[in-house]
Amino acid sequence: MYRRLRLCSHNGGYEAIPEPPTPLDLGAVRAVLEAQGIPVIDARVMLIASLDPEVTISRAGRLLFKTQDAPTAEKAFGRLRTLLGLPGIEEEGAAGPARG
């Protein structure tokens, strides 16, 4: 599951972090995105996909949406989730250890 989308520490965008870490095959991710007509820059350790908004995808499964607008980030996450078969975001108040 992905933790909820949260504003990055530098307020430059929203991030989704899988927990536990879920490595992604960036080659396979790139192929899926490009098959859908989405331009992708392959920086070897990460992909930069030209979605609305632009999203950086790391090997560890971390997603960084380059927008300060939460609904825009949520919509882009939903699209990636559908295209790539990613797990959902954990629900608020879901049972589990407290984070601090």
Protein backbone atom coordinates (compact mmCIF):
# COMPACT_ATOMS: atom_id res chain seq x y z
CA MET A 1 0.00 0.00 0.00
CA TYR A 2 1.03 3.56 -0.54
CA ARG A 3 0.99 6.01 2.31
CA ARG A 4 -1.35 8.88 1.70
CA LEU A 5 -0.23 11.59 -0.68
CA ARG A 6 1.59 14.24 1.29
CA LEU A 7 3.17 17.56 0.52
CA CYS A 8 6.95 17.21 0.24
CA SER A 9 9.16 18.85 2.83
CA HIS A 10 10.13 21.55 0.33
CA ASN A 11 6.49 22.12 -0.70
CA GLY A 12 7.42 21.52 -4.34
CA GLY A 13 5.02 18.67 -4.92
CA TYR A 14 3.14 15.70 -3.52
CA GLU A 15 4.71 12.32 -2.92
CA ALA A 16 3.42 8.80 -2.52
CA ILE A 17 5.72 6.32 -0.80
CA PRO A 18 5.03 2.58 -0.82
CA GLU A 19 5.18 0.80 2.50
CA PRO A 20 6.79 -1.65 2.54
CA PRO A 21 9.12 -0.52 -0.26
CA THR A 22 7.94 -1.96 -3.55
CA PRO A 23 10.68 -2.00 -6.19
CA LEU A 24 9.52 -1.21 -9.71
CA ASP A 25 10.94 -2.51 -12.98
CA LEU A 26 11.55 0.88 -14.60
CA GLY A 27 11.97 -0.68 -18.04
CA ALA A 28 8.52 -2.26 -17.82
CA VAL A 29 7.03 0.97 -16.40
CA ARG A 30 8.54 2.96 -19.26
CA ALA A 31 7.16 0.51 -21.84
CA VAL A 32 3.63 0.76 -20.41
CA LEU A 33 3.69 4.55 -20.27
CA GLU A 34 5.12 4.94 -23.76
CA ALA A 35 2.55 2.47 -25.14
CA GLN A 36 -0.09 4.90 -23.83
CA GLY A 37 1.61 7.80 -25.64
CA ILE A 38 3.09 9.29 -22.47
CA PRO A 39 6.58 10.76 -23.07
CA VAL A 40 9.16 9.42 -20.60
CA ILE A 41 12.69 10.53 -19.80
CA ASP A 42 14.76 7.58 -18.59
CA ALA A 43 17.40 8.79 -16.12
CA ARG A 44 18.43 5.16 -15.37
CA VAL A 45 17.66 5.37 -11.63
CA MET A 46 14.32 7.09 -12.17
CA LEU A 47 11.78 7.94 -14.83
CA ILE A 48 10.26 11.35 -15.48
CA ALA A 49 6.83 10.96 -17.05
CA SER A 50 5.09 13.83 -18.81
CA LEU A 51 1.71 13.46 -17.19
CA ASP A 52 -0.38 16.33 -15.89
CA PRO A 53 1.43 17.00 -13.61
CA GLU A 54 4.91 15.70 -14.36
CA VAL A 55 5.78 12.74 -12.14
CA THR A 56 9.11 11.26 -11.11
CA ILE A 57 9.06 7.49 -10.55
CA SER A 58 11.90 5.91 -8.56
CA ARG A 59 13.12 2.31 -8.58
CA ALA A 60 11.90 2.00 -4.99
CA GLY A 61 8.35 2.86 -6.09
CA ARG A 62 8.31 6.43 -4.74
CA LEU A 63 6.22 8.78 -6.84
CA LEU A 64 6.74 12.55 -6.84
CA PHE A 65 4.00 14.64 -8.44
CA LYS A 66 5.24 18.10 -9.37
CA THR A 67 2.22 20.10 -8.27
CA GLN A 68 1.12 21.86 -5.10
CA ASP A 69 -2.51 21.01 -5.85
CA ALA A 70 -3.67 17.90 -3.94
CA PRO A 71 -6.61 17.01 -6.24
CA THR A 72 -4.33 17.18 -9.29
CA ALA A 73 -1.81 14.87 -7.60
CA GLU A 74 -4.60 12.45 -6.57
CA LYS A 75 -5.93 12.32 -10.13
CA ALA A 76 -2.44 11.62 -11.53
CA PHE A 77 -1.86 8.91 -8.90
CA GLY A 78 -5.14 7.29 -9.87
CA ARG A 79 -4.12 7.27 -13.53
CA LEU A 80 -0.71 5.74 -12.76
CA ARG A 81 -2.30 3.23 -10.44
CA THR A 82 -4.61 2.07 -13.22
CA LEU A 83 -1.90 1.98 -15.90
CA LEU A 84 0.75 0.26 -13.79
CA GLY A 85 -1.37 -1.88 -11.46
CA LEU A 86 -0.05 -0.11 -8.36
CA PRO A 87 -1.58 -0.70 -4.92
CA GLY A 88 -3.93 1.89 -3.46
CA ILE A 89 -3.38 4.50 -0.79
CA GLU A 90 -4.01 3.41 2.77
CA GLU A 91 -7.15 4.88 4.21
CA GLU A 92 -7.06 7.47 6.97
CA GLY A 93 -7.51 5.81 10.33
CA ALA A 94 -6.62 2.37 9.00
CA ALA A 95 -5.42 -0.02 11.67
CA GLY A 96 -1.67 -0.12 12.04
CA PRO A 97 1.22 1.31 14.02
CA ALA A 98 1.16 5.03 14.73
CA ARG A 99 3.70 7.13 12.87
CA GLY A 100 5.44 10.03 14.47
